[in-house]
């Protein structure tokens, strides 16, 4: 990780409580930020990529940015309540350290989350107060990430991923810029045809489509960060030829117009 990679663009923490069962469906609404949560009361069932993950009181879990899933939340018989802490965060540019986590939900390997709960409560207090020293919540945020990431499951993406990783790293930072297949292939020391084949095999899409995918994900985040920005303004900011073209491309990727996406996004419930 480079220190210049970790400019925080989103950080909010919420303690959500409900006195009734409910469900959320984000299968067509990829989350625009990472979410780290701790279950306090009740139970939750998360469905992601064909896998089911049950969450019980005391469990901590992580939902990666751009993840699609369904969740169902159920009150228990004792407290008659569903309660959980959720911390949502994202960065100006993708942080490579998070590339080692699978793009699906996972429960953290922690037997005792009491320390993490305490840190969540401290961070919530900082975020709700008007502190002159903004370094305090930021340092606490990274302390929480440090504790949580050490309990996450990582995986190796293999030799194929390593071959195209220079191009992926470049696109994650430069998705706004024009780029040729020849240049991306040269970053990986591969021929254009070999690079294109390996890239599509690894990501499931062409390099240019992947670049547009990253760009639209950034726009999805931007829509929620700046609710007063018009589509015309966002179209100009991200160098689209017209707002109409932006809306068409956004709907193709997310199944919703930018307006619908902004309206339907629920920042606290996960």
Protein backbone atom coordinates (compact mmCIF):
# COMPACT_ATOMS: atom_id res chain seq x y z
CA UNK A 1 0.00 0.00 0.00
CA UNK A 2 1.20 3.50 -0.83
CA UNK A 3 0.28 6.22 1.63
CA UNK A 4 -0.89 8.35 -1.28
CA UNK A 5 -3.49 5.69 -2.09
CA UNK A 6 -5.48 6.06 1.10
CA UNK A 7 -7.36 9.33 0.84
CA UNK A 8 -10.70 8.62 2.52
CA UNK A 9 -13.69 9.73 0.45
CA UNK A 10 -16.47 8.15 2.56
CA UNK A 11 -16.62 7.36 6.25
CA UNK A 12 -19.75 7.08 8.33
CA UNK A 13 -20.77 4.79 11.15
CA UNK A 14 -24.27 3.97 12.26
CA UNK A 15 -25.93 1.85 14.92
CA UNK A 16 -29.02 0.41 13.26
CA UNK A 17 -31.94 -0.97 15.29
CA UNK A 18 -35.22 -2.51 14.16
CA UNK A 19 -38.10 -4.00 16.14
CA UNK A 20 -39.27 -6.15 13.22
CA UNK A 21 -37.85 -8.54 10.63
CA UNK A 22 -36.86 -7.04 7.29
CA UNK A 23 -35.03 -7.84 4.06
CA UNK A 24 -32.67 -5.95 1.75
CA UNK A 25 -31.85 -6.78 -1.85
CA UNK A 26 -28.68 -5.38 -3.38
CA UNK A 27 -28.39 -7.89 -6.22
CA UNK A 28 -28.94 -5.09 -8.75
CA UNK A 29 -27.48 -2.34 -6.59
CA UNK A 30 -23.75 -2.92 -5.99
CA UNK A 31 -22.64 -1.29 -2.77
CA UNK A 32 -20.63 1.87 -3.53
CA UNK A 33 -18.42 1.47 -0.44
CA UNK A 34 -16.88 -1.16 1.81
CA UNK A 35 -18.92 -2.09 4.89
CA UNK A 36 -17.60 -3.51 8.16
CA UNK A 37 -20.32 -4.53 10.60
CA UNK A 38 -20.84 -6.19 13.99
CA UNK A 39 -24.06 -7.97 14.92
CA UNK A 40 -25.29 -7.02 18.40
CA UNK A 41 -28.81 -8.48 18.65
CA UNK A 42 -30.88 -10.72 16.40
CA UNK A 43 -29.67 -12.80 13.47
CA UNK A 44 -28.96 -12.17 9.80
CA UNK A 45 -28.71 -14.39 6.73
CA UNK A 46 -26.56 -13.10 3.85
CA UNK A 47 -26.78 -14.57 0.34
CA UNK A 48 -23.89 -13.81 -2.00
CA UNK A 49 -22.64 -15.60 -5.13
CA UNK A 50 -24.45 -18.81 -4.29
CA UNK A 51 -23.19 -18.92 -0.71
CA UNK A 52 -25.21 -18.39 2.48
CA UNK A 53 -23.58 -16.80 5.53
CA UNK A 54 -25.45 -16.78 8.87
CA UNK A 55 -24.58 -13.92 11.22
CA UNK A 56 -25.19 -14.16 14.98
CA UNK A 57 -24.74 -11.73 17.89
CA UNK A 58 -21.04 -11.06 18.40
CA UNK A 59 -20.11 -11.81 14.77
CA UNK A 60 -18.18 -9.25 12.73
CA UNK A 61 -18.44 -9.35 8.93
CA UNK A 62 -17.11 -7.53 5.89
CA UNK A 63 -18.91 -6.59 2.65
CA UNK A 64 -16.52 -5.43 -0.12
CA UNK A 65 -17.24 -2.43 -2.30
CA UNK A 66 -19.27 -3.31 -5.44
CA UNK A 67 -20.55 -6.51 -3.83
CA UNK A 68 -24.05 -7.70 -4.80
CA UNK A 69 -26.12 -9.76 -2.35
CA UNK A 70 -29.38 -10.25 -0.43
CA UNK A 71 -29.88 -10.07 3.33
CA UNK A 72 -32.67 -11.02 5.73
CA UNK A 73 -32.75 -9.80 9.33
CA UNK A 74 -34.64 -11.49 12.15
CA UNK A 75 -35.43 -10.39 15.69
CA UNK A 76 -34.62 -12.78 18.54
CA UNK A 77 -37.07 -13.99 21.17
CA UNK A 78 -35.27 -12.31 24.08
CA UNK A 79 -34.63 -8.72 23.01
CA UNK A 80 -37.22 -8.55 20.22
CA UNK A 81 -34.80 -6.40 18.26
CA UNK A 82 -32.26 -6.44 15.47
CA UNK A 83 -29.26 -4.25 16.25
CA UNK A 84 -25.88 -3.91 14.57
CA UNK A 85 -23.03 -1.47 14.07
CA UNK A 86 -22.08 -0.73 10.47
CA UNK A 87 -19.12 1.32 9.27
CA UNK A 88 -19.13 2.31 5.59
CA UNK A 89 -15.98 3.62 3.94
CA UNK A 90 -14.30 4.12 0.60
CA UNK A 91 -11.21 5.76 -0.83
CA UNK A 92 -10.58 8.23 -3.65
CA UNK A 93 -8.77 5.48 -5.54
CA UNK A 94 -8.95 1.70 -5.05
CA UNK A 95 -6.51 0.54 -2.38
CA UNK A 96 -4.55 -2.47 -3.57
CA UNK A 97 -4.54 -4.06 -0.11
CA UNK A 98 -8.27 -4.77 -0.51
CA UNK A 99 -7.65 -6.66 -3.77
CA UNK A 100 -6.52 -9.66 -1.73
CA UNK A 101 -10.04 -10.17 -0.33
CA UNK A 102 -12.60 -12.07 -2.34
CA UNK A 103 -15.34 -9.95 -3.85
CA UNK A 104 -17.93 -11.45 -1.57
CA UNK A 105 -19.12 -11.29 2.00
CA UNK A 106 -17.07 -12.94 4.71
CA UNK A 107 -17.34 -13.42 8.44
CA UNK A 108 -14.24 -12.32 10.36
CA UNK A 109 -12.22 -14.91 12.25
CA UNK A 110 -12.69 -13.32 15.67
CA UNK A 111 -13.79 -15.17 18.81
CA UNK A 112 -14.30 -11.94 20.77
CA UNK A 113 -15.45 -8.71 19.10
CA UNK A 114 -15.81 -6.70 22.33
CA UNK A 115 -12.64 -4.70 21.57
CA UNK A 116 -13.91 -3.88 18.09
CA UNK A 117 -17.32 -2.86 19.47
CA UNK A 118 -15.58 -0.50 21.91
CA UNK A 119 -13.63 1.10 19.04
CA UNK A 120 -16.82 1.46 16.98
CA UNK A 121 -18.46 3.28 19.90
CA UNK A 122 -15.46 5.59 20.24
CA UNK A 123 -15.41 6.36 16.52
CA UNK A 124 -19.15 7.03 16.50
CA UNK A 125 -18.66 9.50 19.34
CA UNK A 126 -15.93 11.30 17.42
CA UNK A 127 -17.97 11.46 14.19
CA UNK A 128 -21.01 12.85 16.01
CA UNK A 129 -19.02 15.56 17.78
CA UNK A 130 -17.44 18.70 16.33
CA UNK A 131 -13.79 17.91 16.87
CA UNK A 132 -11.09 20.41 16.00
CA UNK A 133 -8.57 17.59 15.76
CA UNK A 134 -9.69 15.45 12.80
CA UNK A 135 -6.69 13.15 13.22
CA UNK A 136 -8.39 11.41 16.13
CA UNK A 137 -11.24 9.75 14.18
CA UNK A 138 -8.94 9.03 11.23
CA UNK A 139 -6.37 7.28 13.42
CA UNK A 140 -9.13 5.30 15.12
CA UNK A 141 -10.59 4.33 11.73
CA UNK A 142 -7.27 2.86 10.62
CA UNK A 143 -6.85 1.11 13.96
CA UNK A 144 -10.22 -0.58 13.38
CA UNK A 145 -9.19 -1.53 9.84
CA UNK A 146 -5.92 -2.96 11.11
CA UNK A 147 -7.68 -5.17 13.67
CA UNK A 148 -10.39 -6.26 11.23
CA UNK A 149 -8.14 -6.96 8.23
CA UNK A 150 -5.94 -9.28 10.32
CA UNK A 151 -9.05 -11.44 10.86
CA UNK A 152 -10.09 -11.55 7.19
CA UNK A 153 -9.50 -14.45 4.84
CA UNK A 154 -7.20 -13.62 1.96
CA UNK A 155 -6.47 -15.54 -1.18
CA UNK A 156 -3.87 -15.66 -3.88
CA UNK A 157 -5.13 -14.70 -7.33
CA UNK A 158 -2.53 -16.87 -9.01
CA UNK A 159 -0.02 -16.53 -11.81
CA UNK A 160 -2.59 -15.35 -14.35
CA UNK A 161 -3.64 -12.39 -12.21
CA UNK A 162 -0.02 -11.44 -11.54
CA UNK A 163 0.65 -11.25 -15.26
CA UNK A 164 -2.04 -8.63 -15.85
CA UNK A 165 -1.83 -6.90 -12.45
CA UNK A 166 0.22 -3.90 -13.76
CA UNK A 167 -2.59 -3.13 -16.22
CA UNK A 168 -5.30 -3.52 -13.57
CA UNK A 169 -3.37 -1.25 -11.18
CA UNK A 170 -3.02 1.35 -13.94
CA UNK A 171 -6.71 1.25 -14.87
CA UNK A 172 -7.87 1.53 -11.27
CA UNK A 173 -6.06 4.87 -10.97
CA UNK A 174 -6.45 6.15 -14.55
CA UNK A 175 -9.97 5.09 -15.50
CA UNK A 176 -10.69 8.66 -16.63
CA UNK A 177 -7.91 8.69 -19.20
CA UNK A 178 -7.82 7.32 -22.72
CA UNK A 179 -5.59 4.27 -23.03
CA UNK A 180 -4.72 1.77 -25.74
CA UNK A 181 -4.50 -2.00 -25.54
CA UNK A 182 -0.93 -1.68 -26.81
CA UNK A 183 0.08 0.48 -23.84
CA UNK A 184 -1.60 -1.81 -21.29
CA UNK A 185 0.04 -4.84 -22.87
CA UNK A 186 3.43 -3.15 -22.69
CA UNK A 187 2.97 -2.61 -18.95
CA UNK A 188 2.63 -6.38 -18.60
CA UNK A 189 5.40 -7.23 -21.11
CA UNK A 190 2.91 -9.19 -23.20
CA UNK A 191 1.84 -9.10 -26.84
CA UNK A 192 -1.48 -7.34 -27.47
CA UNK A 193 -3.30 -10.54 -28.39
CA UNK A 194 -1.90 -12.50 -25.43
CA UNK A 195 -2.65 -9.65 -23.02
CA UNK A 196 -6.22 -9.26 -24.28
CA UNK A 197 -6.90 -13.01 -23.91
CA UNK A 198 -5.47 -13.22 -20.38
CA UNK A 199 -7.21 -10.04 -19.24
CA UNK A 200 -10.63 -11.18 -20.42
CA UNK A 201 -10.12 -14.65 -18.96
CA UNK A 202 -9.28 -13.16 -15.55
CA UNK A 203 -11.83 -10.32 -15.34
CA UNK A 204 -14.60 -11.57 -17.62
CA UNK A 205 -14.48 -8.40 -19.71
CA UNK A 206 -12.24 -6.54 -22.13
CA UNK A 207 -9.75 -3.94 -20.76
CA UNK A 208 -11.82 -1.04 -22.10
CA UNK A 209 -15.05 -2.45 -20.68
CA UNK A 210 -13.25 -2.96 -17.36
CA UNK A 211 -12.12 0.68 -17.42
CA UNK A 212 -15.70 1.82 -18.02
CA UNK A 213 -16.87 -0.53 -15.25
CA UNK A 214 -14.48 1.19 -12.81
CA UNK A 215 -15.60 4.61 -14.00
CA UNK A 216 -19.30 3.86 -13.51
CA UNK A 217 -18.63 2.42 -10.05
CA UNK A 218 -16.93 5.69 -9.17
CA UNK A 219 -19.95 7.60 -10.46
CA UNK A 220 -22.25 5.44 -8.29
CA UNK A 221 -20.22 6.48 -5.25
CA UNK A 222 -20.20 10.11 -6.40
CA UNK A 223 -24.01 10.12 -6.68
CA UNK A 224 -24.35 9.33 -2.98
CA UNK A 225 -21.51 11.54 -1.78
CA UNK A 226 -22.90 14.58 -3.61
CA UNK A 227 -26.71 14.27 -3.65
CA UNK A 228 -27.12 17.87 -4.87
CA UNK A 229 -24.99 17.39 -7.99
CA UNK A 230 -27.03 17.20 -11.17
CA UNK A 231 -26.57 14.52 -13.81
CA UNK A 232 -25.39 17.24 -16.19
CA UNK A 233 -22.68 18.25 -13.72
CA UNK A 234 -21.63 14.64 -13.13
CA UNK A 235 -21.54 14.01 -16.87
CA UNK A 236 -19.12 16.92 -17.29
CA UNK A 237 -17.03 15.87 -14.27
CA UNK A 238 -16.49 12.38 -15.69
CA UNK A 239 -16.06 13.53 -19.31
CA UNK A 240 -19.14 11.90 -20.85
CA UNK A 241 -20.23 13.20 -24.22
CA UNK A 242 -23.73 13.90 -22.87
CA UNK A 243 -25.94 13.26 -19.81
CA UNK A 244 -28.12 10.99 -21.94
CA UNK A 245 -25.14 8.76 -22.77
CA UNK A 246 -24.15 8.64 -19.08
CA UNK A 247 -27.67 7.60 -18.07
CA UNK A 248 -27.74 4.90 -20.76
CA UNK A 249 -24.38 3.44 -19.72
CA UNK A 250 -25.20 3.64 -16.01
CA UNK A 251 -28.50 1.81 -16.47
CA UNK A 252 -26.81 -0.88 -18.56
CA UNK A 253 -24.41 -1.63 -15.68
CA UNK A 254 -26.65 -1.14 -12.64
CA UNK A 255 -30.13 -1.79 -14.01
CA UNK A 256 -31.22 1.63 -12.75
CA UNK A 257 -30.90 5.23 -13.85
CA UNK A 258 -28.64 7.43 -11.71
CA UNK A 259 -31.78 9.03 -10.25
CA UNK A 260 -33.24 5.65 -9.28
CA UNK A 261 -29.92 4.49 -7.87
CA UNK A 262 -29.61 7.59 -5.69
CA UNK A 263 -33.22 7.22 -4.53
CA UNK A 264 -33.01 3.49 -3.73
CA UNK A 265 -29.60 3.43 -2.04
CA UNK A 266 -29.86 2.80 1.68
CA UNK A 267 -26.61 3.87 3.31
CA UNK A 268 -27.25 2.37 6.75
CA UNK A 269 -29.17 -0.86 6.25
CA UNK A 270 -27.05 -3.66 4.86
